Amino acid sequence: MEPANRETWFDDECQAATEDKKKAHKKMQQGYGTRSLIEEYKEKRRKEKTIHKRKKKEQMNVELENTELLRKQHDCRKF
């Protein structure tokens, strides 16, 4: 089992959501903050946060399953 990496959950889907949010933010700044641009940015930001939370939770569940498996195998050193 390899050591836990904090960024193993950050994949292409996360990267795409972050890029979409960055583009919307830049567009909002250049458009003098009109209501539609602000709403678009907020929506992209919400979407990015939900994707990141879901990916982090999935990664945590995998790590917990691995830890539980090691505990059941009585492998104290790796546990």
N, C-alpha and C. Protein backbone atom coordinates (compact mmCIF):
# COMPACT_ATOMS: atom_id res chain seq x y z
N MET A 1 0.85 -1.18 0.00
CA MET A 1 0.00 0.00 0.00
C MET A 1 0.89 1.24 0.00
N GLU A 2 0.62 2.15 -0.89
CA GLU A 2 1.43 3.36 -0.98
C GLU A 2 0.89 4.42 -0.02
N PRO A 3 1.71 5.37 0.37
CA PRO A 3 1.27 6.41 1.31
C PRO A 3 0.17 7.27 0.71
N ALA A 4 -0.66 7.78 1.59
CA ALA A 4 -1.78 8.61 1.15
C ALA A 4 -1.27 9.91 0.55
N ASN A 5 -1.79 10.24 -0.62
CA ASN A 5 -1.44 11.49 -1.29
C ASN A 5 -2.66 12.39 -1.23
N ARG A 6 -2.48 13.60 -0.79
CA ARG A 6 -3.62 14.50 -0.61
C ARG A 6 -4.32 14.83 -1.92
N GLU A 7 -3.63 14.72 -3.02
CA GLU A 7 -4.22 15.14 -4.28
C GLU A 7 -4.60 13.97 -5.19
N THR A 8 -4.75 12.79 -4.64
CA THR A 8 -5.13 11.65 -5.47
C THR A 8 -6.57 11.78 -5.96
N TRP A 9 -7.36 12.56 -5.27
CA TRP A 9 -8.75 12.72 -5.66
C TRP A 9 -8.92 13.74 -6.78
N PHE A 10 -7.96 14.60 -7.01
CA PHE A 10 -8.07 15.67 -8.00
C PHE A 10 -7.77 15.11 -9.38
N ASP A 11 -8.82 14.93 -10.19
CA ASP A 11 -8.66 14.33 -11.51
C ASP A 11 -9.09 15.31 -12.61
N ASP A 12 -9.30 14.79 -13.80
CA ASP A 12 -9.65 15.63 -14.94
C ASP A 12 -10.99 16.33 -14.77
N GLU A 13 -11.95 15.66 -14.15
CA GLU A 13 -13.26 16.27 -13.92
C GLU A 13 -13.12 17.48 -12.99
N CYS A 14 -12.32 17.33 -11.96
CA CYS A 14 -12.08 18.45 -11.03
C CYS A 14 -11.36 19.59 -11.75
N GLN A 15 -10.39 19.25 -12.55
CA GLN A 15 -9.63 20.26 -13.29
C GLN A 15 -10.54 21.04 -14.23
N ALA A 16 -11.44 20.34 -14.92
CA ALA A 16 -12.36 21.00 -15.86
C ALA A 16 -13.30 21.95 -15.12
N ALA A 17 -13.81 21.50 -13.96
CA ALA A 17 -14.72 22.35 -13.18
C ALA A 17 -13.99 23.60 -12.69
N THR A 18 -12.75 23.45 -12.28
CA THR A 18 -11.97 24.59 -11.81
C THR A 18 -11.70 25.57 -12.95
N GLU A 19 -11.38 25.04 -14.11
CA GLU A 19 -11.13 25.91 -15.27
C GLU A 19 -12.40 26.67 -15.66
N ASP A 20 -13.56 25.99 -15.64
CA ASP A 20 -14.84 26.65 -15.95
C ASP A 20 -15.09 27.80 -14.98
N LYS A 21 -14.85 27.54 -13.69
CA LYS A 21 -15.06 28.57 -12.68
C LYS A 21 -14.12 29.75 -12.89
N LYS A 22 -12.87 29.48 -13.21
CA LYS A 22 -11.89 30.55 -13.44
C LYS A 22 -12.30 31.41 -14.64
N LYS A 23 -12.78 30.75 -15.71
CA LYS A 23 -13.22 31.50 -16.89
C LYS A 23 -14.42 32.38 -16.56
N ALA A 24 -15.36 31.83 -15.79
CA ALA A 24 -16.54 32.61 -15.41
C ALA A 24 -16.15 33.78 -14.53
N HIS A 25 -15.19 33.59 -13.65
CA HIS A 25 -14.74 34.67 -12.78
C HIS A 25 -14.09 35.80 -13.58
N LYS A 26 -13.24 35.41 -14.53
CA LYS A 26 -12.58 36.40 -15.36
C LYS A 26 -13.60 37.17 -16.20
N LYS A 27 -14.59 36.44 -16.73
CA LYS A 27 -15.65 37.06 -17.53
C LYS A 27 -16.47 38.03 -16.67
N MET A 28 -16.72 37.64 -15.42
CA MET A 28 -17.48 38.49 -14.50
C MET A 28 -16.70 39.77 -14.21
N GLN A 29 -15.40 39.66 -14.01
CA GLN A 29 -14.59 40.83 -13.72
C GLN A 29 -14.53 41.79 -14.90
N GLN A 30 -14.48 41.24 -16.10
CA GLN A 30 -14.40 42.07 -17.29
C GLN A 30 -15.74 42.67 -17.67
N GLY A 31 -16.83 42.06 -17.21
CA GLY A 31 -18.17 42.54 -17.57
C GLY A 31 -18.78 43.46 -16.55
N TYR A 32 -17.97 44.03 -15.68
CA TYR A 32 -18.43 44.98 -14.67
C TYR A 32 -19.48 44.39 -13.73
N GLY A 33 -19.46 43.09 -13.54
CA GLY A 33 -20.30 42.46 -12.54
C GLY A 33 -21.79 42.53 -12.80
N THR A 34 -22.21 42.32 -14.04
CA THR A 34 -23.65 42.30 -14.31
C THR A 34 -24.28 41.11 -13.60
N ARG A 35 -25.56 41.19 -13.36
CA ARG A 35 -26.26 40.15 -12.61
C ARG A 35 -26.12 38.77 -13.24
N SER A 36 -26.26 38.71 -14.55
CA SER A 36 -26.18 37.41 -15.22
C SER A 36 -24.78 36.80 -15.10
N LEU A 37 -23.75 37.63 -15.20
CA LEU A 37 -22.38 37.12 -15.07
C LEU A 37 -22.09 36.68 -13.64
N ILE A 38 -22.63 37.41 -12.68
CA ILE A 38 -22.44 37.03 -11.28
C ILE A 38 -23.13 35.70 -11.00
N GLU A 39 -24.34 35.52 -11.50
CA GLU A 39 -25.08 34.27 -11.30
C GLU A 39 -24.38 33.11 -11.98
N GLU A 40 -23.85 33.36 -13.16
CA GLU A 40 -23.12 32.31 -13.87
C GLU A 40 -21.89 31.88 -13.06
N TYR A 41 -21.18 32.85 -12.51
CA TYR A 41 -19.99 32.55 -11.70
C TYR A 41 -20.38 31.76 -10.45
N LYS A 42 -21.45 32.20 -9.79
CA LYS A 42 -21.90 31.50 -8.57
C LYS A 42 -22.28 30.06 -8.87
N GLU A 43 -22.95 29.85 -10.00
CA GLU A 43 -23.34 28.49 -10.38
C GLU A 43 -22.12 27.62 -10.65
N LYS A 44 -21.15 28.15 -11.36
CA LYS A 44 -19.91 27.39 -11.64
C LYS A 44 -19.16 27.09 -10.34
N ARG A 45 -19.17 28.05 -9.43
CA ARG A 45 -18.49 27.86 -8.15
C ARG A 45 -19.17 26.76 -7.33
N ARG A 46 -20.50 26.77 -7.30
CA ARG A 46 -21.24 25.72 -6.59
C ARG A 46 -20.95 24.35 -7.19
N LYS A 47 -20.96 24.30 -8.51
CA LYS A 47 -20.69 23.03 -9.20
C LYS A 47 -19.30 22.51 -8.86
N GLU A 48 -18.31 23.42 -8.88
CA GLU A 48 -16.94 23.03 -8.56
C GLU A 48 -16.85 22.49 -7.13
N LYS A 49 -17.47 23.18 -6.20
CA LYS A 49 -17.42 22.75 -4.80
C LYS A 49 -18.05 21.38 -4.61
N THR A 50 -19.20 21.13 -5.25
CA THR A 50 -19.84 19.83 -5.08
C THR A 50 -19.00 18.71 -5.68
N ILE A 51 -18.38 18.97 -6.83
CA ILE A 51 -17.52 17.96 -7.45
C ILE A 51 -16.33 17.66 -6.55
N HIS A 52 -15.70 18.70 -6.02
CA HIS A 52 -14.53 18.51 -5.16
C HIS A 52 -14.91 17.77 -3.88
N LYS A 53 -16.04 18.13 -3.28
CA LYS A 53 -16.48 17.45 -2.06
C LYS A 53 -16.74 15.97 -2.33
N ARG A 54 -17.40 15.68 -3.46
CA ARG A 54 -17.72 14.30 -3.80
C ARG A 54 -16.44 13.48 -4.01
N LYS A 55 -15.49 14.05 -4.72
CA LYS A 55 -14.23 13.34 -4.99
C LYS A 55 -13.44 13.10 -3.71
N LYS A 56 -13.39 14.10 -2.83
CA LYS A 56 -12.69 13.95 -1.56
C LYS A 56 -13.34 12.86 -0.70
N LYS A 57 -14.68 12.85 -0.70
CA LYS A 57 -15.40 11.85 0.08
C LYS A 57 -15.15 10.45 -0.47
N GLU A 58 -15.15 10.30 -1.79
CA GLU A 58 -14.87 9.01 -2.40
C GLU A 58 -13.46 8.53 -2.03
N GLN A 59 -12.48 9.43 -2.07
CA GLN A 59 -11.11 9.08 -1.71
C GLN A 59 -11.01 8.68 -0.25
N MET A 60 -11.71 9.40 0.62
CA MET A 60 -11.69 9.08 2.04
C MET A 60 -12.29 7.69 2.28
N ASN A 61 -13.36 7.37 1.57
CA ASN A 61 -13.98 6.05 1.72
C ASN A 61 -13.03 4.94 1.29
N VAL A 62 -12.29 5.16 0.22
CA VAL A 62 -11.31 4.16 -0.24
C VAL A 62 -10.23 3.97 0.81
N GLU A 63 -9.73 5.07 1.38
CA GLU A 63 -8.70 4.98 2.40
C GLU A 63 -9.22 4.27 3.64
N LEU A 64 -10.47 4.54 4.02
CA LEU A 64 -11.05 3.87 5.18
C LEU A 64 -11.22 2.38 4.94
N GLU A 65 -11.63 2.01 3.74
CA GLU A 65 -11.77 0.59 3.40
C GLU A 65 -10.42 -0.12 3.47
N ASN A 66 -9.38 0.53 2.95
CA ASN A 66 -8.03 -0.06 3.01
C ASN A 66 -7.56 -0.22 4.45
N THR A 67 -7.80 0.78 5.28
CA THR A 67 -7.41 0.72 6.68
C THR A 67 -8.17 -0.40 7.40
N GLU A 68 -9.45 -0.49 7.11
CA GLU A 68 -10.27 -1.54 7.73
C GLU A 68 -9.79 -2.92 7.30
N LEU A 69 -9.41 -3.07 6.05
CA LEU A 69 -8.91 -4.34 5.55
C LEU A 69 -7.60 -4.72 6.26
N LEU A 70 -6.72 -3.75 6.44
CA LEU A 70 -5.47 -4.01 7.15
C LEU A 70 -5.73 -4.39 8.61
N ARG A 71 -6.72 -3.74 9.21
CA ARG A 71 -7.07 -4.07 10.59
C ARG A 71 -7.57 -5.50 10.70
N LYS A 72 -8.40 -5.89 9.75
CA LYS A 72 -8.95 -7.25 9.78
C LYS A 72 -7.87 -8.30 9.52
N GLN A 73 -6.84 -7.92 8.76
CA GLN A 73 -5.77 -8.86 8.47
C GLN A 73 -4.72 -8.87 9.59
N HIS A 74 -4.93 -8.05 10.60
CA HIS A 74 -4.00 -7.95 11.73
C HIS A 74 -2.59 -7.58 11.28
N ASP A 75 -2.52 -6.70 10.31
CA ASP A 75 -1.24 -6.21 9.81
C ASP A 75 -0.93 -4.89 10.52
N CYS A 76 -0.36 -4.99 11.70
CA CYS A 76 -0.17 -3.83 12.57
C CYS A 76 0.79 -2.80 12.00
N ARG A 77 1.81 -3.24 11.34
CA ARG A 77 2.80 -2.28 10.84
C ARG A 77 2.21 -1.36 9.77
N LYS A 78 1.46 -1.91 8.85
CA LYS A 78 0.85 -1.08 7.80
C LYS A 78 -0.37 -0.35 8.30
N PHE A 79 -1.02 -0.90 9.31
CA PHE A 79 -2.20 -0.28 9.88
C PHE A 79 -1.83 1.04 10.51
